Amino acid sequence: MSLKRKIRQRTKRRANRVRSLLLLSDRPRVSVFRSLKNISAQIIDDQQHKTLIGFSSAQLETRTGDKTEVAFAVGRELARQALEKGVSSVVFDRGSYLYHGRVKALADGLREGGLQF
């Protein structure tokens, strides 16, 4: 088996393991996508199969600091928008990404913004 295939399988296994624990919840989930330049997150209601709110670092007006600080700002802005829509409690879906670096900074920004998970 090639190395790329092993990495792809490990990534899928990790994402499935994380999501299998989250589907038991009745709260909306925050799904994270991280690319090389940007990070984005969206709040999804799985019962209605609708995306409630989405926000990306490409939408930020001021992008100062490194990528971790930008991810923190994205988390705060997403939390602000969620509280305006009446969402106060969510579950965090990191997908196949490790809870480290930018993903952790986004989660910290969500917590500081007032969301509970």
PDB file of N, CA and C in Angstrom:
ATOM      1  N   MET A   1       0.854  -1.175   0.000  1.00  0.00           N
ATOM      2  CA  MET A   1       0.000   0.000   0.000  1.00  0.00           C
ATOM      3  C   MET A   1       0.898   1.235   0.000  1.00  0.00           C
ATOM      4  N   SER A   2       0.556   2.186  -0.815  1.00  0.00           N
ATOM      5  CA  SER A   2       1.380   3.385  -0.924  1.00  0.00           C
ATOM      6  C   SER A   2       1.175   4.292   0.288  1.00  0.00           C
ATOM      7  N   LEU A   3       2.117   5.164   0.494  1.00  0.00           N
ATOM      8  CA  LEU A   3       2.064   6.084   1.621  1.00  0.00           C
ATOM      9  C   LEU A   3       0.888   7.045   1.503  1.00  0.00           C
ATOM     10  N   LYS A   4       0.617   7.534   0.285  1.00  0.00           N
ATOM     11  CA  LYS A   4      -0.514   8.450   0.099  1.00  0.00           C
ATOM     12  C   LYS A   4      -1.829   7.780   0.457  1.00  0.00           C
ATOM     13  N   ARG A   5      -1.963   6.522   0.092  1.00  0.00           N
ATOM     14  CA  ARG A   5      -3.204   5.799   0.389  1.00  0.00           C
ATOM     15  C   ARG A   5      -3.366   5.583   1.890  1.00  0.00           C
ATOM     16  N   LYS A   6      -2.278   5.290   2.577  1.00  0.00           N
ATOM     17  CA  LYS A   6      -2.334   5.117   4.029  1.00  0.00           C
ATOM     18  C   LYS A   6      -2.745   6.409   4.724  1.00  0.00           C
ATOM     19  N   ILE A   7      -2.182   7.510   4.266  1.00  0.00           N
ATOM     20  CA  ILE A   7      -2.513   8.810   4.863  1.00  0.00           C
ATOM     21  C   ILE A   7      -3.977   9.151   4.600  1.00  0.00           C
ATOM     22  N   ARG A   8      -4.458   8.890   3.380  1.00  0.00           N
ATOM     23  CA  ARG A   8      -5.848   9.163   3.046  1.00  0.00           C
ATOM     24  C   ARG A   8      -6.796   8.326   3.900  1.00  0.00           C
ATOM     25  N   GLN A   9      -6.456   7.054   4.107  1.00  0.00           N
ATOM     26  CA  GLN A   9      -7.292   6.184   4.941  1.00  0.00           C
ATOM     27  C   GLN A   9      -7.281   6.645   6.396  1.00  0.00           C
ATOM     28  N   ARG A  10      -6.123   7.042   6.894  1.00  0.00           N
ATOM     29  CA  ARG A  10      -6.028   7.517   8.273  1.00  0.00           C
ATOM     30  C   ARG A  10      -6.859   8.781   8.470  1.00  0.00           C
ATOM     31  N   THR A  11      -6.828   9.665   7.466  1.00  0.00           N
ATOM     32  CA  THR A  11      -7.605  10.900   7.538  1.00  0.00           C
ATOM     33  C   THR A  11      -9.096  10.600   7.549  1.00  0.00           C
ATOM     34  N   LYS A  12      -9.550   9.707   6.693  1.00  0.00           N
ATOM     35  CA  LYS A  12     -10.968   9.349   6.658  1.00  0.00           C
ATOM     36  C   LYS A  12     -11.405   8.684   7.946  1.00  0.00           C
ATOM     37  N   ARG A  13     -10.558   7.805   8.491  1.00  0.00           N
ATOM     38  CA  ARG A  13     -10.895   7.133   9.749  1.00  0.00           C
ATOM     39  C   ARG A  13     -11.049   8.136  10.879  1.00  0.00           C
ATOM     40  N   ARG A  14     -10.136   9.117  10.944  1.00  0.00           N
ATOM     41  CA  ARG A  14     -10.198  10.122  11.993  1.00  0.00           C
ATOM     42  C   ARG A  14     -11.460  10.959  11.858  1.00  0.00           C
ATOM     43  N   ALA A  15     -11.803  11.378  10.642  1.00  0.00           N
ATOM     44  CA  ALA A  15     -13.000  12.192  10.418  1.00  0.00           C
ATOM     45  C   ALA A  15     -14.259  11.404  10.783  1.00  0.00           C
ATOM     46  N   ASN A  16     -14.327  10.138  10.401  1.00  0.00           N
ATOM     47  CA  ASN A  16     -15.499   9.319  10.728  1.00  0.00           C
ATOM     48  C   ASN A  16     -15.620   9.103  12.227  1.00  0.00           C
ATOM     49  N   ARG A  17     -14.494   8.926  12.910  1.00  0.00           N
ATOM     50  CA  ARG A  17     -14.522   8.724  14.359  1.00  0.00           C
ATOM     51  C   ARG A  17     -15.037   9.975  15.065  1.00  0.00           C
ATOM     52  N   VAL A  18     -14.574  11.136  14.633  1.00  0.00           N
ATOM     53  CA  VAL A  18     -14.998  12.388  15.255  1.00  0.00           C
ATOM     54  C   VAL A  18     -16.476  12.632  14.992  1.00  0.00           C
ATOM     55  N   ARG A  19     -16.913  12.441  13.754  1.00  0.00           N
ATOM     56  CA  ARG A  19     -18.306  12.729  13.406  1.00  0.00           C
ATOM     57  C   ARG A  19     -19.277  11.726  14.006  1.00  0.00           C
ATOM     58  N   SER A  20     -18.841  10.481  14.222  1.00  0.00           N
ATOM     59  CA  SER A  20     -19.756   9.487  14.797  1.00  0.00           C
ATOM     60  C   SER A  20     -20.146   9.865  16.213  1.00  0.00           C
ATOM     61  N   LEU A  21     -19.265  10.523  16.938  1.00  0.00           N
ATOM     62  CA  LEU A  21     -19.585  10.961  18.293  1.00  0.00           C
ATOM     63  C   LEU A  21     -20.494  12.182  18.297  1.00  0.00           C
ATOM     64  N   LEU A  22     -20.418  12.992  17.246  1.00  0.00           N
ATOM     65  CA  LEU A  22     -21.175  14.240  17.202  1.00  0.00           C
ATOM     66  C   LEU A  22     -22.614  14.046  16.744  1.00  0.00           C
ATOM     67  N   LEU A  23     -22.886  13.003  15.997  1.00  0.00           N
ATOM     68  CA  LEU A  23     -24.225  12.815  15.446  1.00  0.00           C
ATOM     69  C   LEU A  23     -25.256  12.471  16.508  1.00  0.00           C
ATOM     70  N   LEU A  24     -24.790  12.089  17.686  1.00  0.00           N
ATOM     71  CA  LEU A  24     -25.713  11.763  18.767  1.00  0.00           C
ATOM     72  C   LEU A  24     -26.299  13.013  19.413  1.00  0.00           C
ATOM     73  N   SER A  25     -25.718  14.158  19.149  1.00  0.00           N
ATOM     74  CA  SER A  25     -26.153  15.394  19.783  1.00  0.00           C
ATOM     75  C   SER A  25     -27.290  16.038  19.006  1.00  0.00           C
ATOM     76  N   ASP A  26     -28.140  16.760  19.718  1.00  0.00           N
ATOM     77  CA  ASP A  26     -29.232  17.484  19.070  1.00  0.00           C
ATOM     78  C   ASP A  26     -28.864  18.953  18.844  1.00  0.00           C
ATOM     79  N   ARG A  27     -27.653  19.346  19.231  1.00  0.00           N
ATOM     80  CA  ARG A  27     -27.205  20.723  19.031  1.00  0.00           C
ATOM     81  C   ARG A  27     -26.608  20.881  17.637  1.00  0.00           C
ATOM     82  N   PRO A  28     -26.591  22.092  17.100  1.00  0.00           N
ATOM     83  CA  PRO A  28     -25.922  22.324  15.816  1.00  0.00           C
ATOM     84  C   PRO A  28     -24.422  22.084  15.959  1.00  0.00           C
ATOM     85  N   ARG A  29     -23.757  21.790  14.845  1.00  0.00           N
ATOM     86  CA  ARG A  29     -22.323  21.542  14.906  1.00  0.00           C
ATOM     87  C   ARG A  29     -21.566  22.606  14.132  1.00  0.00           C
ATOM     88  N   VAL A  30     -20.367  22.887  14.599  1.00  0.00           N
ATOM     89  CA  VAL A  30     -19.466  23.815  13.925  1.00  0.00           C
ATOM     90  C   VAL A  30     -18.484  22.972  13.137  1.00  0.00           C
ATOM     91  N   SER A  31     -18.565  23.034  11.823  1.00  0.00           N
ATOM     92  CA  SER A  31     -17.687  22.274  10.947  1.00  0.00           C
ATOM     93  C   SER A  31     -16.557  23.190  10.477  1.00  0.00           C
ATOM     94  N   VAL A  32     -15.321  22.685  10.565  1.00  0.00           N
ATOM     95  CA  VAL A  32     -14.137  23.484  10.264  1.00  0.00           C
ATOM     96  C   VAL A  32     -13.506  22.999   8.969  1.00  0.00           C
ATOM     97  N   PHE A  33     -13.094  23.948   8.115  1.00  0.00           N
ATOM     98  CA  PHE A  33     -12.291  23.639   6.939  1.00  0.00           C
ATOM     99  C   PHE A  33     -11.063  24.521   6.973  1.00  0.00           C
ATOM    100  N   ARG A  34      -9.914  23.894   6.793  1.00  0.00           N
ATOM    101  CA  ARG A  34      -8.651  24.612   6.840  1.00  0.00           C
ATOM    102  C   ARG A  34      -7.899  24.386   5.539  1.00  0.00           C
ATOM    103  N   SER A  35      -7.533  25.478   4.878  1.00  0.00           N
ATOM    104  CA  SER A  35      -6.701  25.374   3.685  1.00  0.00           C
ATOM    105  C   SER A  35      -5.346  26.006   3.997  1.00  0.00           C
ATOM    106  N   LEU A  36      -4.497  26.086   3.010  1.00  0.00           N
ATOM    107  CA  LEU A  36      -3.178  26.666   3.265  1.00  0.00           C
ATOM    108  C   LEU A  36      -3.259  28.163   3.550  1.00  0.00           C
ATOM    109  N   LYS A  37      -4.184  28.864   2.901  1.00  0.00           N
ATOM    110  CA  LYS A  37      -4.289  30.312   3.085  1.00  0.00           C
ATOM    111  C   LYS A  37      -5.377  30.709   4.074  1.00  0.00           C
ATOM    112  N   ASN A  38      -6.530  30.058   4.027  1.00  0.00           N
ATOM    113  CA  ASN A  38      -7.687  30.494   4.796  1.00  0.00           C
ATOM    114  C   ASN A  38      -8.175  29.406   5.728  1.00  0.00           C
ATOM    115  N   ILE A  39      -9.057  29.812   6.623  1.00  0.00           N
ATOM    116  CA  ILE A  39      -9.772  28.873   7.474  1.00  0.00           C
ATOM    117  C   ILE A  39     -11.224  29.326   7.490  1.00  0.00           C
ATOM    118  N   SER A  40     -12.119  28.371   7.425  1.00  0.00           N
ATOM    119  CA  SER A  40     -13.535  28.718   7.440  1.00  0.00           C
ATOM    120  C   SER A  40     -14.267  27.752   8.345  1.00  0.00           C
ATOM    121  N   ALA A  41     -15.397  28.212   8.841  1.00  0.00           N
ATOM    122  CA  ALA A  41     -16.228  27.387   9.716  1.00  0.00           C
ATOM    123  C   ALA A  41     -17.678  27.716   9.417  1.00  0.00           C
ATOM    124  N   GLN A  42     -18.523  26.721   9.585  1.00  0.00           N
ATOM    125  CA  GLN A  42     -19.952  26.943   9.408  1.00  0.00           C
ATOM    126  C   GLN A  42     -20.713  26.180  10.469  1.00  0.00           C
ATOM    127  N   ILE A  43     -21.821  26.753  10.866  1.00  0.00           N
ATOM    128  CA  ILE A  43     -22.694  26.120  11.851  1.00  0.00           C
ATOM    129  C   ILE A  43     -23.809  25.436  11.084  1.00  0.00           C
ATOM    130  N   ILE A  44     -23.932  24.124  11.295  1.00  0.00           N
ATOM    131  CA  ILE A  44     -24.854  23.293  10.526  1.00  0.00           C
ATOM    132  C   ILE A  44     -25.860  22.660  11.471  1.00  0.00           C
ATOM    133  N   ASP A  45     -27.129  22.726  11.106  1.00  0.00           N
ATOM    134  CA  ASP A  45     -28.187  22.023  11.830  1.00  0.00           C
ATOM    135  C   ASP A  45     -28.431  20.707  11.107  1.00  0.00           C
ATOM    136  N   ASP A  46     -27.973  19.599  11.697  1.00  0.00           N
ATOM    137  CA  ASP A  46     -28.066  18.301  11.036  1.00  0.00           C
ATOM    138  C   ASP A  46     -29.490  17.762  11.001  1.00  0.00           C
ATOM    139  N   GLN A  47     -30.342  18.190  11.891  1.00  0.00           N
ATOM    140  CA  GLN A  47     -31.718  17.699  11.892  1.00  0.00           C
ATOM    141  C   GLN A  47     -32.518  18.283  10.734  1.00  0.00           C
ATOM    142  N   GLN A  48     -32.262  19.538  10.403  1.00  0.00           N
ATOM    143  CA  GLN A  48     -32.946  20.174   9.286  1.00  0.00           C
ATOM    144  C   GLN A  48     -32.108  20.136   8.008  1.00  0.00           C
ATOM    145  N   HIS A  49     -30.859  19.682   8.116  1.00  0.00           N
ATOM    146  CA  HIS A  49     -29.942  19.600   6.974  1.00  0.00           C
ATOM    147  C   HIS A  49     -29.734  20.969   6.330  1.00  0.00           C
ATOM    148  N   LYS A  50     -29.478  21.975   7.173  1.00  0.00           N
ATOM    149  CA  LYS A  50     -29.275  23.335   6.681  1.00  0.00           C
ATOM    150  C   LYS A  50     -28.059  23.961   7.350  1.00  0.00           C
ATOM    151  N   THR A  51     -27.373  24.780   6.581  1.00  0.00           N
ATOM    152  CA  THR A  51     -26.284  25.574   7.133  1.00  0.00           C
ATOM    153  C   THR A  51     -26.876  26.866   7.667  1.00  0.00           C
ATOM    154  N   LEU A  52     -26.677  27.116   8.943  1.00  0.00           N
ATOM    155  CA  LEU A  52     -27.246  28.305   9.566  1.00  0.00           C
ATOM    156  C   LEU A  52     -26.367  29.536   9.318  1.00  0.00           C
ATOM    157  N   ILE A  53     -25.060  29.391   9.577  1.00  0.00           N
ATOM    158  CA  ILE A  53     -24.141  30.509   9.468  1.00  0.00           C
ATOM    159  C   ILE A  53     -22.805  29.985   8.951  1.00  0.00           C
ATOM    160  N   GLY A  54     -22.150  30.750   8.142  1.00  0.00           N
ATOM    161  CA  GLY A  54     -20.809  30.409   7.687  1.00  0.00           C
ATOM    162  C   GLY A  54     -19.940  31.646   7.665  1.00  0.00           C
ATOM    163  N   PHE A  55     -18.662  31.460   7.982  1.00  0.00           N
ATOM    164  CA  PHE A  55     -17.740  32.594   7.957  1.00  0.00           C
ATOM    165  C   PHE A  55     -16.352  32.087   7.621  1.00  0.00           C
ATOM    166  N   SER A  56     -15.593  32.899   6.884  1.00  0.00           N
ATOM    167  CA  SER A  56     -14.261  32.514   6.438  1.00  0.00           C
ATOM    168  C   SER A  56     -13.286  33.651   6.701  1.00  0.00           C
ATOM    169  N   SER A  57     -12.018  33.306   6.746  1.00  0.00           N
ATOM    170  CA  SER A  57     -11.002  34.340   6.933  1.00  0.00           C
ATOM    171  C   SER A  57     -10.891  35.232   5.698  1.00  0.00           C
ATOM    172  N   ALA A  58     -11.375  34.779   4.553  1.00  0.00           N
ATOM    173  CA  ALA A  58     -11.372  35.614   3.360  1.00  0.00           C
ATOM    174  C   ALA A  58     -12.371  36.766   3.494  1.00  0.00           C
ATOM    175  N   GLN A  59     -13.349  36.636   4.386  1.00  0.00           N
ATOM    176  CA  GLN A  59     -14.351  37.677   4.595  1.00  0.00           C
ATOM    177  C   GLN A  59     -13.936  38.703   5.648  1.00  0.00           C
ATOM    178  N   LEU A  60     -12.833  38.453   6.351  1.00  0.00           N
ATOM    179  CA  LEU A  60     -12.388  39.397   7.373  1.00  0.00           C
ATOM    180  C   LEU A  60     -11.953  40.706   6.733  1.00  0.00           C
ATOM    181  N   GLU A  61     -12.279  41.794   7.382  1.00  0.00           N
ATOM    182  CA  GLU A  61     -11.892  43.094   6.857  1.00  0.00           C
ATOM    183  C   GLU A  61     -10.433  43.395   7.175  1.00  0.00           C
ATOM    184  N   THR A  62     -10.003  43.077   8.376  1.00  0.00           N
ATOM    185  CA  THR A  62      -8.609  43.303   8.759  1.00  0.00           C
ATOM    186  C   THR A  62      -7.967  41.958   9.054  1.00  0.00           C
ATOM    187  N   ARG A  63      -6.972  41.622   8.260  1.00  0.00           N
ATOM    188  CA  ARG A  63      -6.271  40.349   8.440  1.00  0.00           C
ATOM    189  C   ARG A  63      -4.860  40.638   8.933  1.00  0.00           C
ATOM    190  N   THR A  64      -4.752  41.023  10.188  1.00  0.00           N
ATOM    191  CA  THR A  64      -3.444  41.306  10.753  1.00  0.00           C
ATOM    192  C   THR A  64      -2.999  40.128  11.597  1.00  0.00           C
ATOM    193  N   GLY A  65      -1.702  39.919  11.662  1.00  0.00           N
ATOM    194  CA  GLY A  65      -1.154  38.843  12.464  1.00  0.00           C
ATOM    195  C   GLY A  65      -0.939  37.592  11.639  1.00  0.00           C
ATOM    196  N   ASP A  66      -0.534  36.537  12.328  1.00  0.00           N
ATOM    197  CA  ASP A  66      -0.287  35.275  11.631  1.00  0.00           C
ATOM    198  C   ASP A  66      -1.592  34.505  11.461  1.00  0.00           C
ATOM    199  N   LYS A  67      -1.510  33.326  10.890  1.00  0.00           N
ATOM    200  CA  LYS A  67      -2.715  32.550  10.576  1.00  0.00           C
ATOM    201  C   LYS A  67      -3.462  32.126  11.831  1.00  0.00           C
ATOM    202  N   THR A  68      -2.754  31.898  12.923  1.00  0.00           N
ATOM    203  CA  THR A  68      -3.405  31.498  14.170  1.00  0.00           C
ATOM    204  C   THR A  68      -4.258  32.635  14.716  1.00  0.00           C
ATOM    205  N   GLU A  69      -3.754  33.851  14.670  1.00  0.00           N
ATOM    206  CA  GLU A  69      -4.525  35.005  15.132  1.00  0.00           C
ATOM    207  C   GLU A  69      -5.728  35.259  14.233  1.00  0.00           C
ATOM    208  N   VAL A  70      -5.568  35.035  12.947  1.00  0.00           N
ATOM    209  CA  VAL A  70      -6.683  35.184  12.012  1.00  0.00           C
ATOM    210  C   VAL A  70      -7.757  34.143  12.315  1.00  0.00           C
ATOM    211  N   ALA A  71      -7.357  32.915  12.610  1.00  0.00           N
ATOM    212  CA  ALA A  71      -8.316  31.859  12.953  1.00  0.00           C
ATOM    213  C   ALA A  71      -9.073  32.209  14.229  1.00  0.00           C
ATOM    214  N   PHE A  72      -8.376  32.802  15.193  1.00  0.00           N
ATOM    215  CA  PHE A  72      -9.024  33.240  16.430  1.00  0.00           C
ATOM    216  C   PHE A  72     -10.074  34.311  16.133  1.00  0.00           C
ATOM    217  N   ALA A  73      -9.736  35.250  15.245  1.00  0.00           N
ATOM    218  CA  ALA A  73     -10.680  36.306  14.866  1.00  0.00           C
ATOM    219  C   ALA A  73     -11.886  35.731  14.127  1.00  0.00           C
ATOM    220  N   VAL A  74     -11.675  34.712  13.294  1.00  0.00           N
ATOM    221  CA  VAL A  74     -12.789  34.056  12.597  1.00  0.00           C
ATOM    222  C   VAL A  74     -13.722  33.410  13.617  1.00  0.00           C
ATOM    223  N   GLY A  75     -13.169  32.770  14.635  1.00  0.00           N
ATOM    224  CA  GLY A  75     -13.982  32.153  15.675  1.00  0.00           C
ATOM    225  C   GLY A  75     -14.826  33.165  16.429  1.00  0.00           C
ATOM    226  N   ARG A  76     -14.221  34.296  16.778  1.00  0.00           N
ATOM    227  CA  ARG A  76     -14.972  35.341  17.484  1.00  0.00           C
ATOM    228  C   ARG A  76     -16.107  35.897  16.629  1.00  0.00           C
ATOM    229  N   GLU A  77     -15.837  36.139  15.358  1.00  0.00           N
ATOM    230  CA  GLU A  77     -16.861  36.692  14.463  1.00  0.00           C
ATOM    231  C   GLU A  77     -17.986  35.689  14.233  1.00  0.00           C
ATOM    232  N   LEU A  78     -17.652  34.428  14.068  1.00  0.00           N
ATOM    233  CA  LEU A  78     -18.681  33.398  13.888  1.00  0.00           C
ATOM    234  C   LEU A  78     -19.540  33.279  15.142  1.00  0.00           C
ATOM    235  N   ALA A  79     -18.920  33.370  16.300  1.00  0.00           N
ATOM    236  CA  ALA A  79     -19.680  33.311  17.556  1.00  0.00           C
ATOM    237  C   ALA A  79     -20.616  34.508  17.679  1.00  0.00           C
ATOM    238  N   ARG A  80     -20.149  35.671  17.272  1.00  0.00           N
ATOM    239  CA  ARG A  80     -21.004  36.867  17.333  1.00  0.00           C
ATOM    240  C   ARG A  80     -22.222  36.703  16.439  1.00  0.00           C
ATOM    241  N   GLN A  81     -22.001  36.206  15.221  1.00  0.00           N
ATOM    242  CA  GLN A  81     -23.111  35.997  14.306  1.00  0.00           C
ATOM    243  C   GLN A  81     -24.067  34.917  14.815  1.00  0.00           C
ATOM    244  N   ALA A  82     -23.528  33.895  15.443  1.00  0.00           N
ATOM    245  CA  ALA A  82     -24.366  32.810  15.967  1.00  0.00           C
ATOM    246  C   ALA A  82     -25.243  33.309  17.100  1.00  0.00           C
ATOM    247  N   LEU A  83     -24.688  34.120  17.979  1.00  0.00           N
ATOM    248  CA  LEU A  83     -25.483  34.648  19.080  1.00  0.00           C
ATOM    249  C   LEU A  83     -26.583  35.574  18.575  1.00  0.00           C
ATOM    250  N   GLU A  84     -26.321  36.302  17.488  1.00  0.00           N
ATOM    251  CA  GLU A  84     -27.362  37.144  16.897  1.00  0.00           C
ATOM    252  C   GLU A  84     -28.512  36.296  16.351  1.00  0.00           C
ATOM    253  N   LYS A  85     -28.197  35.120  15.825  1.00  0.00           N
ATOM    254  CA  LYS A  85     -29.230  34.223  15.279  1.00  0.00           C
ATOM    255  C   LYS A  85     -29.892  33.375  16.359  1.00  0.00           C
ATOM    256  N   GLY A  86     -29.408  33.445  17.596  1.00  0.00           N
ATOM    257  CA  GLY A  86     -30.019  32.698  18.683  1.00  0.00           C
ATOM    258  C   GLY A  86     -29.387  31.348  18.960  1.00  0.00           C
ATOM    259  N   VAL A  87     -28.229  31.073  18.399  1.00  0.00           N
ATOM    260  CA  VAL A  87     -27.519  29.818  18.656  1.00  0.00           C
ATOM    261  C   VAL A  87     -26.503  30.081  19.758  1.00  0.00           C
ATOM    262  N   SER A  88     -26.624  29.378  20.879  1.00  0.00           N
ATOM    263  CA  SER A  88     -25.705  29.623  21.984  1.00  0.00           C
ATOM    264  C   SER A  88     -24.896  28.387  22.370  1.00  0.00           C
ATOM    265  N   SER A  89     -25.317  27.215  21.925  1.00  0.00           N
ATOM    266  CA  SER A  89     -24.633  25.987  22.296  1.00  0.00           C
ATOM    267  C   SER A  89     -24.448  25.117  21.054  1.00  0.00           C
ATOM    268  N   VAL A  90     -23.230  24.667  20.802  1.00  0.00           N
ATOM    269  CA  VAL A  90     -22.911  23.882  19.612  1.00  0.00           C
ATOM    270  C   VAL A  90     -21.979  22.733  19.996  1.00  0.00           C
ATOM    271  N   VAL A  91     -21.749  21.840  19.048  1.00  0.00           N
ATOM    272  CA  VAL A  91     -20.698  20.834  19.177  1.00  0.00           C
ATOM    273  C   VAL A  91     -19.635  21.152  18.133  1.00  0.00           C
ATOM    274  N   PHE A  92     -18.383  20.872  18.456  1.00  0.00           N
ATOM    275  CA  PHE A  92     -17.258  21.248  17.600  1.00  0.00           C
ATOM    276  C   PHE A  92     -16.836  20.056  16.769  1.00  0.00           C
ATOM    277  N   ASP A  93     -16.925  20.196  15.452  1.00  0.00           N
ATOM    278  CA  ASP A  93     -16.545  19.140  14.512  1.00  0.00           C
ATOM    279  C   ASP A  93     -15.257  19.562  13.828  1.00  0.00           C
ATOM    280  N   ARG A  94     -14.152  19.000  14.280  1.00  0.00           N
ATOM    281  CA  ARG A  94     -12.856  19.341  13.703  1.00  0.00           C
ATOM    282  C   ARG A  94     -12.568  18.558  12.444  1.00  0.00           C
ATOM    283  N   GLY A  95     -13.410  17.590  12.130  1.00  0.00           N
ATOM    284  CA  GLY A  95     -13.231  16.796  10.924  1.00  0.00           C
ATOM    285  C   GLY A  95     -11.988  15.941  11.009  1.00  0.00           C
ATOM    286  N   SER A  96     -11.159  15.992   9.991  1.00  0.00           N
ATOM    287  CA  SER A  96      -9.946  15.186   9.978  1.00  0.00           C
ATOM    288  C   SER A  96      -8.736  15.949  10.497  1.00  0.00           C
ATOM    289  N   TYR A  97      -8.943  17.187  10.958  1.00  0.00           N
ATOM    290  CA  TYR A  97      -7.831  18.003  11.419  1.00  0.00           C
ATOM    291  C   TYR A  97      -7.563  17.727  12.891  1.00  0.00           C
ATOM    292  N   LEU A  98      -6.295  17.766  13.266  1.00  0.00           N
ATOM    293  CA  LEU A  98      -5.928  17.611  14.661  1.00  0.00           C
ATOM    294  C   LEU A  98      -6.321  18.865  15.433  1.00  0.00           C
ATOM    295  N   TYR A  99      -6.661  18.691  16.695  1.00  0.00           N
ATOM    296  CA  TYR A  99      -7.043  19.819  17.540  1.00  0.00           C
ATOM    297  C   TYR A  99      -5.757  20.497  18.003  1.00  0.00           C
ATOM    298  N   HIS A 100      -5.206  21.319  17.125  1.00  0.00           N
ATOM    299  CA  HIS A 100      -3.915  21.933  17.384  1.00  0.00           C
ATOM    300  C   HIS A 100      -3.766  23.121  16.450  1.00  0.00           C
ATOM    301  N   GLY A 101      -3.071  24.133  16.869  1.00  0.00           N
ATOM    302  CA  GLY A 101      -2.764  25.263  15.996  1.00  0.00           C
ATOM    303  C   GLY A 101      -3.975  26.091  15.639  1.00  0.00           C
ATOM    304  N   ARG A 102      -4.230  26.223  14.339  1.00  0.00           N
ATOM    305  CA  ARG A 102      -5.318  27.091  13.868  1.00  0.00           C
ATOM    306  C   ARG A 102      -6.687  26.565  14.253  1.00  0.00           C
ATOM    307  N   VAL A 103      -6.865  25.258  14.265  1.00  0.00           N
ATOM    308  CA  VAL A 103      -8.162  24.688  14.628  1.00  0.00           C
ATOM    309  C   VAL A 103      -8.452  24.966  16.106  1.00  0.00           C
ATOM    310  N   LYS A 104      -7.446  24.831  16.945  1.00  0.00           N
ATOM    311  CA  LYS A 104      -7.603  25.127  18.369  1.00  0.00           C
ATOM    312  C   LYS A 104      -7.852  26.616  18.586  1.00  0.00           C
ATOM    313  N   ALA A 105      -7.171  27.462  17.823  1.00  0.00           N
ATOM    314  CA  ALA A 105      -7.367  28.910  17.943  1.00  0.00           C
ATOM    315  C   ALA A 105      -8.783  29.298  17.540  1.00  0.00           C
ATOM    316  N   LEU A 106      -9.318  28.659  16.512  1.00  0.00           N
ATOM    317  CA  LEU A 106     -10.698  28.936  16.108  1.00  0.00           C
ATOM    318  C   LEU A 106     -11.663  28.535  17.224  1.00  0.00           C
ATOM    319  N   ALA A 107     -11.430  27.385  17.842  1.00  0.00           N
ATOM    320  CA  ALA A 107     -12.287  26.944  18.945  1.00  0.00           C
ATOM    321  C   ALA A 107     -12.190  27.900  20.133  1.00  0.00           C
ATOM    322  N   ASP A 108     -10.996  28.388  20.424  1.00  0.00           N
ATOM    323  CA  ASP A 108     -10.831  29.356  21.511  1.00  0.00           C
ATOM    324  C   ASP A 108     -11.553  30.662  21.199  1.00  0.00           C
ATOM    325  N   GLY A 109     -11.530  31.082  19.932  1.00  0.00           N
ATOM    326  CA  GLY A 109     -12.259  32.275  19.528  1.00  0.00           C
ATOM    327  C   GLY A 109     -13.766  32.100  19.673  1.00  0.00           C
ATOM    328  N   LEU A 110     -14.257  30.911  19.367  1.00  0.00           N
ATOM    329  CA  LEU A 110     -15.686  30.627  19.537  1.00  0.00           C
ATOM    330  C   LEU A 110     -16.062  30.707  21.013  1.00  0.00           C
ATOM    331  N   ARG A 111     -15.224  30.135  21.873  1.00  0.00           N
ATOM    332  CA  ARG A 111     -15.511  30.183  23.309  1.00  0.00           C
ATOM    333  C   ARG A 111     -15.479  31.622  23.839  1.00  0.00           C
ATOM    334  N   GLU A 112     -14.481  32.395  23.410  1.00  0.00           N
ATOM    335  CA  GLU A 112     -14.388  33.763  23.877  1.00  0.00           C
ATOM    336  C   GLU A 112     -15.561  34.600  23.363  1.00  0.00           C
ATOM    337  N   GLY A 113     -16.046  34.258  22.178  1.00  0.00           N
ATOM    338  CA  GLY A 113     -17.187  34.973  21.611  1.00  0.00           C
ATOM    339  C   GLY A 113     -18.500  34.660  22.300  1.00  0.00           C
ATOM    340  N   GLY A 114     -18.549  33.609  23.108  1.00  0.00           N
ATOM    341  CA  GLY A 114     -19.755  33.335  23.893  1.00  0.00           C
ATOM    342  C   GLY A 114     -20.446  32.019  23.584  1.00  0.00           C
ATOM    343  N   LEU A 115     -19.928  31.239  22.634  1.00  0.00           N
ATOM    344  CA  LEU A 115     -20.551  29.935  22.353  1.00  0.00           C
ATOM    345  C   LEU A 115     -20.082  28.896  23.353  1.00  0.00           C
ATOM    346  N   GLN A 116     -20.967  27.986  23.666  1.00  0.00           N
ATOM    347  CA  GLN A 116     -20.638  26.888  24.586  1.00  0.00           C
ATOM    348  C   GLN A 116     -20.617  25.590  23.836  1.00  0.00           C
ATOM    349  N   PHE A 117     -19.605  24.755  24.113  1.00  0.00           N
ATOM    350  CA  PHE A 117     -19.587  23.397  23.598  1.00  0.00           C
ATOM    351  C   PHE A 117     -18.861  22.498  24.528  1.00  0.00           C
TER     352      PHE A 117
END
